[in-house]
Every structure is written in structure tokens, then in C-alpha cells.
Amino acid sequence: MPTKNLPDQAIAGSGIIRPNMGAKTKEDWIGNQLKQVYDEALSEDVPDDMLELLSALDDGDQSDGNSGGEAQG
């Protein structure tokens, strides 16, 4: 836990992260961290096996003649 004298410093192993990136509030810092994680996720490549699965699903929709996505009954 942070000490009274040094509230921005974390004790090793305490799991406390010191805000940075120019955030003025805790909410700003959390928002910045979420944006960073989201941006990193968007920049990752889609794995080949996932692309193959999506392609197979697309091919299955086209082969049954149901392009509207509604169930036939």
C-alpha cells in the first residue's frame, strides 16, 4: 500500500499502479489505459485459423441460398 509520505509510489508486490500519461484524475487515467488496450487489440492481426473459420461460415450462408440470415422452415 502507498505510504502517507509517498502516496504515488507503490510498494513492490502490492498491485498498485501509479497513474501517469498526464492524467489529472483517476478516471482520466483509467480511460487512457482502456484506450491503449483497445488500440493495441485493433492493431493485432487476425489469426489464420480464425479467418478460415469466418470464411467457412460465410461460404455456408451462401450455399444454402439464404442470404438474409433467416431460418427456413
C-alpha atoms as a PDB file:
ATOM      1  CA  MET A   1       0.000   0.000   0.000  1.00  0.00           C
ATOM      2  CA  PRO A   2       1.145   3.565  -0.531  1.00  0.00           C
ATOM      3  CA  THR A   3       2.593   5.356   2.427  1.00  0.00           C
ATOM      4  CA  LYS A   4       1.297   8.680   3.727  1.00  0.00           C
ATOM      5  CA  ASN A   5       4.537  10.381   2.773  1.00  0.00           C
ATOM      6  CA  LEU A   6       4.698   8.992  -0.771  1.00  0.00           C
ATOM      7  CA  PRO A   7       1.112   8.353  -1.983  1.00  0.00           C
ATOM      8  CA  ASP A   8       2.130   7.974  -5.637  1.00  0.00           C
ATOM      9  CA  GLN A   9       4.722   5.283  -5.012  1.00  0.00           C
ATOM     10  CA  ALA A  10       3.717   1.642  -4.831  1.00  0.00           C
ATOM     11  CA  ILE A  11       5.235  -0.952  -2.571  1.00  0.00           C
ATOM     12  CA  ALA A  12       6.581  -3.893  -4.572  1.00  0.00           C
ATOM     13  CA  GLY A  13       4.007  -6.640  -4.922  1.00  0.00           C
ATOM     14  CA  SER A  14       1.075  -4.520  -3.770  1.00  0.00           C
ATOM     15  CA  GLY A  15      -0.562  -4.405  -7.216  1.00  0.00           C
ATOM     16  CA  ILE A  16      -0.903  -0.632  -7.128  1.00  0.00           C
ATOM     17  CA  ILE A  17      -0.133   1.161 -10.364  1.00  0.00           C
ATOM     18  CA  ARG A  18       0.998   4.754 -10.291  1.00  0.00           C
ATOM     19  CA  PRO A  19      -1.040   6.988 -12.640  1.00  0.00           C
ATOM     20  CA  ASN A  20       0.891   8.568 -15.470  1.00  0.00           C
ATOM     21  CA  MET A  21       0.312   9.784 -19.025  1.00  0.00           C
ATOM     22  CA  GLY A  22      -0.662  13.272 -17.805  1.00  0.00           C
ATOM     23  CA  ALA A  23      -3.933  12.117 -16.284  1.00  0.00           C
ATOM     24  CA  LYS A  24      -5.417  14.597 -13.835  1.00  0.00           C
ATOM     25  CA  THR A  25      -7.929  12.217 -12.299  1.00  0.00           C
ATOM     26  CA  LYS A  26      -8.214   8.511 -11.681  1.00  0.00           C
ATOM     27  CA  GLU A  27     -10.994   8.334 -14.284  1.00  0.00           C
ATOM     28  CA  ASP A  28      -8.764  10.007 -16.899  1.00  0.00           C
ATOM     29  CA  TRP A  29      -6.011   7.521 -16.195  1.00  0.00           C
ATOM     30  CA  ILE A  30      -8.392   4.546 -16.440  1.00  0.00           C
ATOM     31  CA  GLY A  31      -9.777   5.924 -19.700  1.00  0.00           C
ATOM     32  CA  ASN A  32      -6.266   6.318 -21.112  1.00  0.00           C
ATOM     33  CA  GLN A  33      -5.379   2.751 -20.132  1.00  0.00           C
ATOM     34  CA  LEU A  34      -8.558   1.352 -21.700  1.00  0.00           C
ATOM     35  CA  LYS A  35      -7.924   3.295 -24.905  1.00  0.00           C
ATOM     36  CA  GLN A  36      -4.367   1.953 -25.055  1.00  0.00           C
ATOM     37  CA  VAL A  37      -5.536  -1.657 -24.618  1.00  0.00           C
ATOM     38  CA  TYR A  38      -8.283  -1.170 -27.233  1.00  0.00           C
ATOM     39  CA  ASP A  39      -5.864   0.382 -29.731  1.00  0.00           C
ATOM     40  CA  GLU A  40      -3.399  -2.489 -29.221  1.00  0.00           C
ATOM     41  CA  ALA A  41      -6.159  -5.047 -29.785  1.00  0.00           C
ATOM     42  CA  LEU A  42      -7.232  -3.314 -33.001  1.00  0.00           C
ATOM     43  CA  SER A  43      -3.690  -3.368 -34.363  1.00  0.00           C
ATOM     44  CA  GLU A  44      -3.259  -7.125 -33.848  1.00  0.00           C
ATOM     45  CA  ASP A  45      -3.536  -9.441 -36.847  1.00  0.00           C
ATOM     46  CA  VAL A  46      -6.432 -11.879 -37.023  1.00  0.00           C
ATOM     47  CA  PRO A  47      -5.080 -15.447 -36.743  1.00  0.00           C
ATOM     48  CA  ASP A  48      -5.231 -17.526 -39.933  1.00  0.00           C
ATOM     49  CA  ASP A  49      -7.392 -20.228 -38.351  1.00  0.00           C
ATOM     50  CA  MET A  50      -9.948 -17.589 -37.337  1.00  0.00           C
ATOM     51  CA  LEU A  51     -10.010 -16.187 -40.893  1.00  0.00           C
ATOM     52  CA  GLU A  52     -10.549 -19.717 -42.248  1.00  0.00           C
ATOM     53  CA  LEU A  53     -13.411 -20.278 -39.817  1.00  0.00           C
ATOM     54  CA  LEU A  54     -15.056 -16.983 -40.786  1.00  0.00           C
ATOM     55  CA  SER A  55     -14.632 -17.817 -44.455  1.00  0.00           C
ATOM     56  CA  ALA A  56     -16.204 -21.245 -43.944  1.00  0.00           C
ATOM     57  CA  LEU A  57     -19.144 -19.652 -42.143  1.00  0.00           C
ATOM     58  CA  ASP A  58     -19.593 -17.146 -44.968  1.00  0.00           C
ATOM     59  CA  ASP A  59     -19.463 -19.958 -47.554  1.00  0.00           C
ATOM     60  CA  GLY A  60     -22.090 -21.907 -45.599  1.00  0.00           C
ATOM     61  CA  ASP A  61     -24.503 -18.966 -45.660  1.00  0.00           C
ATOM     62  CA  GLN A  62     -24.145 -18.554 -49.411  1.00  0.00           C
ATOM     63  CA  SER A  63     -24.503 -22.247 -50.267  1.00  0.00           C
ATOM     64  CA  ASP A  64     -27.949 -22.675 -48.639  1.00  0.00           C
ATOM     65  CA  GLY A  65     -29.417 -19.807 -50.687  1.00  0.00           C
ATOM     66  CA  ASN A  66     -30.429 -17.908 -47.568  1.00  0.00           C
ATOM     67  CA  SER A  67     -28.667 -14.583 -47.878  1.00  0.00           C
ATOM     68  CA  GLY A  68     -30.992 -12.836 -45.414  1.00  0.00           C
ATOM     69  CA  GLY A  69     -29.830 -14.861 -42.456  1.00  0.00           C
ATOM     70  CA  GLU A  70     -33.367 -16.015 -41.603  1.00  0.00           C
ATOM     71  CA  ALA A  71     -34.133 -19.617 -40.731  1.00  0.00           C
ATOM     72  CA  GLN A  72     -36.102 -21.567 -43.296  1.00  0.00           C
ATOM     73  CA  GLY A  73     -38.912 -23.654 -42.009  1.00  0.00           C
END
